[in-house]
Amino acid sequence: MKPVLLLATLCLAVAALPAHAGNGHCPPGLAKKSPACVPPGQAKKYHQGPRIGDRVSDYDYHLIRYPDRYDLPPLRRGERYYVIDGRILRVDQDTYKILDFIRATAALLD
């Protein structure tokens, strides 16, 4: 095989291989995210909105300071209500993990 043709074939073979960071794994910070190994800006493409178990701090949120304005049931100790993407969520105050979806809301009353 001619040297130029061999070099071109080798370049095509290398270009066809997937690119991996470091030793073939994603960085530790992305490995802990949900979904794993997906950069934050692209994570929304994988699922729409927050899920139970997600952290509120990963989203644009609003704390509901006056739950009675929404006719919400009383909270247990250590819980708060938040609004994310127009949905009212019950959240653990210490861990900021989403515990439950309450309902959708059309407007913020706080």
N, C-alpha and C. Protein backbone atom coordinates (compact mmCIF):
# COMPACT_ATOMS: atom_id res chain seq x y z
N MET A 1 0.85 -1.17 0.00
CA MET A 1 0.00 0.00 0.00
C MET A 1 0.90 1.24 0.00
N LYS A 2 0.50 2.24 -0.72
CA LYS A 2 1.28 3.47 -0.80
C LYS A 2 1.23 4.21 0.53
N PRO A 3 2.32 4.92 0.93
CA PRO A 3 2.36 5.61 2.23
C PRO A 3 1.25 6.65 2.39
N VAL A 4 0.90 7.38 1.34
CA VAL A 4 -0.13 8.41 1.45
C VAL A 4 -1.49 7.76 1.70
N LEU A 5 -1.77 6.68 0.98
CA LEU A 5 -3.03 5.98 1.13
C LEU A 5 -3.12 5.33 2.52
N LEU A 6 -2.03 4.78 3.00
CA LEU A 6 -1.99 4.18 4.32
C LEU A 6 -2.26 5.23 5.41
N LEU A 7 -1.64 6.40 5.28
CA LEU A 7 -1.84 7.48 6.23
C LEU A 7 -3.29 7.96 6.21
N ALA A 8 -3.89 8.09 5.06
CA ALA A 8 -5.29 8.53 4.94
C ALA A 8 -6.22 7.49 5.57
N THR A 9 -5.95 6.22 5.37
CA THR A 9 -6.77 5.16 5.95
C THR A 9 -6.66 5.18 7.46
N LEU A 10 -5.46 5.38 7.98
CA LEU A 10 -5.23 5.44 9.41
C LEU A 10 -5.95 6.64 10.03
N CYS A 11 -5.92 7.78 9.37
CA CYS A 11 -6.60 8.98 9.86
C CYS A 11 -8.11 8.77 9.92
N LEU A 12 -8.67 8.12 8.92
CA LEU A 12 -10.11 7.84 8.91
C LEU A 12 -10.48 6.89 10.03
N ALA A 13 -9.64 5.90 10.29
CA ALA A 13 -9.92 4.93 11.36
C ALA A 13 -9.89 5.61 12.72
N VAL A 14 -8.95 6.49 12.96
CA VAL A 14 -8.85 7.20 14.23
C VAL A 14 -10.03 8.16 14.40
N ALA A 15 -10.43 8.84 13.33
CA ALA A 15 -11.54 9.78 13.40
C ALA A 15 -12.85 9.08 13.69
N ALA A 16 -12.97 7.80 13.33
CA ALA A 16 -14.21 7.07 13.55
C ALA A 16 -14.36 6.60 14.99
N LEU A 17 -13.28 6.62 15.77
CA LEU A 17 -13.35 6.19 17.16
C LEU A 17 -14.04 7.25 18.00
N PRO A 18 -14.83 6.83 19.01
CA PRO A 18 -15.48 7.82 19.87
C PRO A 18 -14.45 8.53 20.74
N ALA A 19 -14.70 9.79 21.01
CA ALA A 19 -13.79 10.56 21.86
C ALA A 19 -14.19 10.36 23.32
N HIS A 20 -13.23 10.06 24.18
CA HIS A 20 -13.46 9.87 25.60
C HIS A 20 -12.54 10.78 26.38
N ALA A 21 -13.02 11.27 27.49
CA ALA A 21 -12.18 12.10 28.35
C ALA A 21 -11.36 11.20 29.26
N GLY A 22 -10.10 11.45 29.36
CA GLY A 22 -9.24 10.71 30.29
C GLY A 22 -9.18 9.24 29.98
N ASN A 23 -9.60 8.42 30.94
CA ASN A 23 -9.49 6.97 30.80
C ASN A 23 -10.75 6.33 30.24
N GLY A 24 -11.58 7.08 29.56
CA GLY A 24 -12.78 6.51 28.95
C GLY A 24 -14.03 6.70 29.80
N HIS A 25 -13.92 7.38 30.91
CA HIS A 25 -15.06 7.62 31.79
C HIS A 25 -15.35 9.11 31.83
N CYS A 26 -16.55 9.44 32.28
CA CYS A 26 -16.87 10.86 32.39
C CYS A 26 -16.25 11.43 33.66
N PRO A 27 -16.10 12.75 33.74
CA PRO A 27 -15.52 13.38 34.93
C PRO A 27 -16.36 13.08 36.17
N PRO A 28 -15.73 13.01 37.35
CA PRO A 28 -16.47 12.66 38.57
C PRO A 28 -17.67 13.56 38.85
N GLY A 29 -17.56 14.84 38.57
CA GLY A 29 -18.69 15.74 38.81
C GLY A 29 -19.90 15.41 37.96
N LEU A 30 -19.68 14.99 36.71
CA LEU A 30 -20.80 14.63 35.83
C LEU A 30 -21.31 13.23 36.12
N ALA A 31 -20.47 12.37 36.67
CA ALA A 31 -20.89 11.01 36.98
C ALA A 31 -21.95 11.00 38.08
N LYS A 32 -21.92 12.00 38.95
CA LYS A 32 -22.87 12.06 40.06
C LYS A 32 -24.19 12.71 39.67
N LYS A 33 -24.25 13.33 38.51
CA LYS A 33 -25.46 14.02 38.07
C LYS A 33 -26.50 13.03 37.57
N SER A 34 -27.70 13.52 37.41
CA SER A 34 -28.77 12.71 36.84
C SER A 34 -29.34 13.47 35.65
N PRO A 35 -29.26 12.94 34.46
CA PRO A 35 -28.63 11.71 34.02
C PRO A 35 -27.11 11.80 34.07
N ALA A 36 -26.47 10.67 34.33
CA ALA A 36 -25.02 10.63 34.50
C ALA A 36 -24.29 10.97 33.21
N CYS A 37 -23.18 11.65 33.35
CA CYS A 37 -22.26 11.99 32.25
C CYS A 37 -22.86 12.93 31.20
N VAL A 38 -23.88 13.67 31.57
CA VAL A 38 -24.49 14.61 30.64
C VAL A 38 -24.25 16.02 31.18
N PRO A 39 -23.65 16.91 30.39
CA PRO A 39 -23.43 18.28 30.86
C PRO A 39 -24.74 18.95 31.26
N PRO A 40 -24.71 19.82 32.28
CA PRO A 40 -25.93 20.44 32.78
C PRO A 40 -26.78 21.13 31.72
N GLY A 41 -26.16 21.78 30.76
CA GLY A 41 -26.92 22.47 29.73
C GLY A 41 -27.69 21.55 28.80
N GLN A 42 -27.29 20.28 28.75
CA GLN A 42 -27.96 19.33 27.88
C GLN A 42 -28.84 18.35 28.64
N ALA A 43 -28.83 18.40 29.95
CA ALA A 43 -29.59 17.44 30.76
C ALA A 43 -31.09 17.57 30.52
N LYS A 44 -31.57 18.78 30.24
CA LYS A 44 -33.01 18.97 30.02
C LYS A 44 -33.52 18.23 28.80
N LYS A 45 -32.63 17.91 27.86
CA LYS A 45 -33.04 17.17 26.68
C LYS A 45 -33.42 15.73 27.03
N TYR A 46 -32.90 15.22 28.15
CA TYR A 46 -33.13 13.84 28.52
C TYR A 46 -34.41 13.62 29.30
N HIS A 47 -34.84 14.59 30.07
CA HIS A 47 -36.12 14.49 30.77
C HIS A 47 -36.72 15.87 30.91
N GLN A 48 -38.02 15.92 30.92
CA GLN A 48 -38.71 17.20 31.00
C GLN A 48 -39.04 17.51 32.45
N GLY A 49 -38.42 18.52 33.02
CA GLY A 49 -38.73 18.96 34.36
C GLY A 49 -38.15 18.09 35.46
N PRO A 50 -38.38 18.50 36.69
CA PRO A 50 -37.84 17.78 37.84
C PRO A 50 -38.57 16.48 38.11
N ARG A 51 -37.87 15.59 38.80
CA ARG A 51 -38.43 14.30 39.18
C ARG A 51 -38.27 14.12 40.69
N ILE A 52 -39.05 13.24 41.27
CA ILE A 52 -38.93 12.95 42.69
C ILE A 52 -37.52 12.44 42.94
N GLY A 53 -36.88 12.99 43.97
CA GLY A 53 -35.50 12.64 44.29
C GLY A 53 -34.49 13.64 43.78
N ASP A 54 -34.87 14.45 42.78
CA ASP A 54 -33.98 15.51 42.29
C ASP A 54 -33.84 16.58 43.37
N ARG A 55 -32.80 17.39 43.24
CA ARG A 55 -32.61 18.51 44.16
C ARG A 55 -33.20 19.79 43.55
N VAL A 56 -33.87 20.55 44.39
CA VAL A 56 -34.48 21.81 43.95
C VAL A 56 -33.42 22.75 43.41
N SER A 57 -32.23 22.74 44.00
CA SER A 57 -31.18 23.69 43.61
C SER A 57 -30.69 23.48 42.18
N ASP A 58 -31.05 22.37 41.54
CA ASP A 58 -30.66 22.12 40.15
C ASP A 58 -31.61 22.82 39.17
N TYR A 59 -32.64 23.48 39.66
CA TYR A 59 -33.65 24.09 38.81
C TYR A 59 -33.88 25.55 39.22
N ASP A 60 -34.56 26.28 38.37
CA ASP A 60 -35.00 27.63 38.70
C ASP A 60 -36.26 27.48 39.54
N TYR A 61 -36.23 27.91 40.78
CA TYR A 61 -37.33 27.64 41.70
C TYR A 61 -37.81 28.89 42.42
N HIS A 62 -38.98 28.76 43.06
CA HIS A 62 -39.56 29.83 43.87
C HIS A 62 -40.11 29.19 45.14
N LEU A 63 -39.67 29.66 46.29
CA LEU A 63 -40.18 29.19 47.58
C LEU A 63 -41.57 29.77 47.81
N ILE A 64 -42.51 28.94 48.20
CA ILE A 64 -43.86 29.41 48.56
C ILE A 64 -43.83 29.76 50.03
N ARG A 65 -43.92 31.03 50.32
CA ARG A 65 -43.88 31.50 51.71
C ARG A 65 -45.25 31.47 52.38
N TYR A 66 -46.31 31.54 51.59
CA TYR A 66 -47.66 31.56 52.13
C TYR A 66 -48.50 30.43 51.50
N PRO A 67 -48.34 29.20 51.99
CA PRO A 67 -49.05 28.06 51.39
C PRO A 67 -50.56 28.18 51.43
N ASP A 68 -51.10 28.95 52.41
CA ASP A 68 -52.55 29.09 52.50
C ASP A 68 -53.14 29.80 51.28
N ARG A 69 -52.35 30.61 50.59
CA ARG A 69 -52.83 31.28 49.37
C ARG A 69 -53.11 30.28 48.25
N TYR A 70 -52.50 29.10 48.35
CA TYR A 70 -52.68 28.06 47.33
C TYR A 70 -53.61 26.95 47.82
N ASP A 71 -54.18 27.12 49.02
CA ASP A 71 -55.01 26.07 49.63
C ASP A 71 -54.26 24.75 49.73
N LEU A 72 -53.01 24.81 50.16
CA LEU A 72 -52.18 23.62 50.30
C LEU A 72 -52.33 23.03 51.70
N PRO A 73 -52.24 21.72 51.81
CA PRO A 73 -52.33 21.10 53.14
C PRO A 73 -51.11 21.48 53.99
N PRO A 74 -51.26 21.41 55.32
CA PRO A 74 -50.13 21.74 56.20
C PRO A 74 -48.94 20.81 55.93
N LEU A 75 -47.76 21.37 56.10
CA LEU A 75 -46.53 20.60 55.90
C LEU A 75 -46.10 19.90 57.17
N ARG A 76 -45.35 18.81 56.99
CA ARG A 76 -44.72 18.16 58.13
C ARG A 76 -43.48 18.95 58.50
N ARG A 77 -42.97 18.73 59.69
CA ARG A 77 -41.76 19.42 60.14
C ARG A 77 -40.61 19.11 59.17
N GLY A 78 -39.88 20.15 58.75
CA GLY A 78 -38.72 19.98 57.88
C GLY A 78 -39.06 19.94 56.40
N GLU A 79 -40.26 20.35 56.02
CA GLU A 79 -40.65 20.37 54.61
C GLU A 79 -41.04 21.78 54.19
N ARG A 80 -40.94 22.03 52.90
CA ARG A 80 -41.31 23.31 52.32
C ARG A 80 -41.99 23.05 50.98
N TYR A 81 -42.75 24.04 50.53
CA TYR A 81 -43.33 24.00 49.19
C TYR A 81 -42.51 24.90 48.27
N TYR A 82 -42.26 24.43 47.06
CA TYR A 82 -41.57 25.21 46.03
C TYR A 82 -42.35 25.10 44.74
N VAL A 83 -42.16 26.08 43.85
CA VAL A 83 -42.73 26.03 42.50
C VAL A 83 -41.57 25.93 41.52
N ILE A 84 -41.63 24.91 40.66
CA ILE A 84 -40.64 24.72 39.58
C ILE A 84 -41.43 24.42 38.32
N ASP A 85 -41.15 25.16 37.26
CA ASP A 85 -41.82 24.95 35.96
C ASP A 85 -43.34 24.92 36.09
N GLY A 86 -43.89 25.79 36.96
CA GLY A 86 -45.33 25.87 37.10
C GLY A 86 -45.95 24.73 37.88
N ARG A 87 -45.14 23.96 38.60
CA ARG A 87 -45.65 22.83 39.39
C ARG A 87 -45.29 23.04 40.85
N ILE A 88 -46.23 22.78 41.74
CA ILE A 88 -45.98 22.90 43.17
C ILE A 88 -45.42 21.57 43.67
N LEU A 89 -44.29 21.68 44.39
CA LEU A 89 -43.59 20.50 44.88
C LEU A 89 -43.43 20.57 46.39
N ARG A 90 -43.46 19.41 47.03
CA ARG A 90 -43.13 19.31 48.45
C ARG A 90 -41.67 18.87 48.54
N VAL A 91 -40.85 19.62 49.31
CA VAL A 91 -39.40 19.43 49.31
C VAL A 91 -38.88 19.32 50.74
N ASP A 92 -37.89 18.45 50.95
CA ASP A 92 -37.22 18.34 52.24
C ASP A 92 -36.38 19.59 52.48
N GLN A 93 -36.58 20.23 53.62
CA GLN A 93 -35.91 21.50 53.91
C GLN A 93 -34.39 21.34 54.06
N ASP A 94 -33.92 20.21 54.57
CA ASP A 94 -32.49 20.03 54.82
C ASP A 94 -31.71 19.58 53.59
N THR A 95 -32.27 18.64 52.83
CA THR A 95 -31.55 18.08 51.69
C THR A 95 -31.96 18.72 50.36
N TYR A 96 -33.08 19.45 50.35
CA TYR A 96 -33.63 20.06 49.13
C TYR A 96 -34.03 19.02 48.09
N LYS A 97 -34.29 17.79 48.53
CA LYS A 97 -34.75 16.76 47.60
C LYS A 97 -36.26 16.85 47.44
N ILE A 98 -36.70 16.64 46.21
CA ILE A 98 -38.13 16.69 45.90
C ILE A 98 -38.78 15.42 46.45
N LEU A 99 -39.82 15.60 47.27
CA LEU A 99 -40.51 14.47 47.88
C LEU A 99 -41.79 14.11 47.15
N ASP A 100 -42.47 15.12 46.59
CA ASP A 100 -43.77 14.85 45.98
C ASP A 100 -44.17 16.00 45.07
N PHE A 101 -44.97 15.69 44.05
CA PHE A 101 -45.58 16.70 43.19
C PHE A 101 -46.99 16.92 43.69
N ILE A 102 -47.35 18.17 43.94
CA ILE A 102 -48.67 18.45 44.47
C ILE A 102 -49.65 18.71 43.33
N ARG A 103 -49.37 19.74 42.54
CA ARG A 103 -50.23 20.06 41.38
C ARG A 103 -49.60 21.19 40.58
N ALA A 104 -50.20 21.47 39.44
CA ALA A 104 -49.75 22.58 38.60
C ALA A 104 -50.37 23.88 39.11
N THR A 105 -49.70 24.98 38.83
CA THR A 105 -50.24 26.28 39.20
C THR A 105 -50.08 27.23 38.02
N ALA A 106 -51.07 28.06 37.84
CA ALA A 106 -51.04 28.98 36.70
C ALA A 106 -50.29 30.27 37.03
N ALA A 107 -50.30 30.67 38.32
CA ALA A 107 -49.68 31.95 38.69
C ALA A 107 -49.08 31.85 40.08
N LEU A 108 -48.08 32.65 40.33
CA LEU A 108 -47.48 32.73 41.66
C LEU A 108 -48.21 33.79 42.46
N LEU A 109 -48.59 33.45 43.68
CA LEU A 109 -49.35 34.37 44.51
C LEU A 109 -48.50 34.98 45.62
N ASP A 110 -47.25 34.59 45.74
CA ASP A 110 -46.35 35.13 46.77
C ASP A 110 -45.74 36.44 46.33
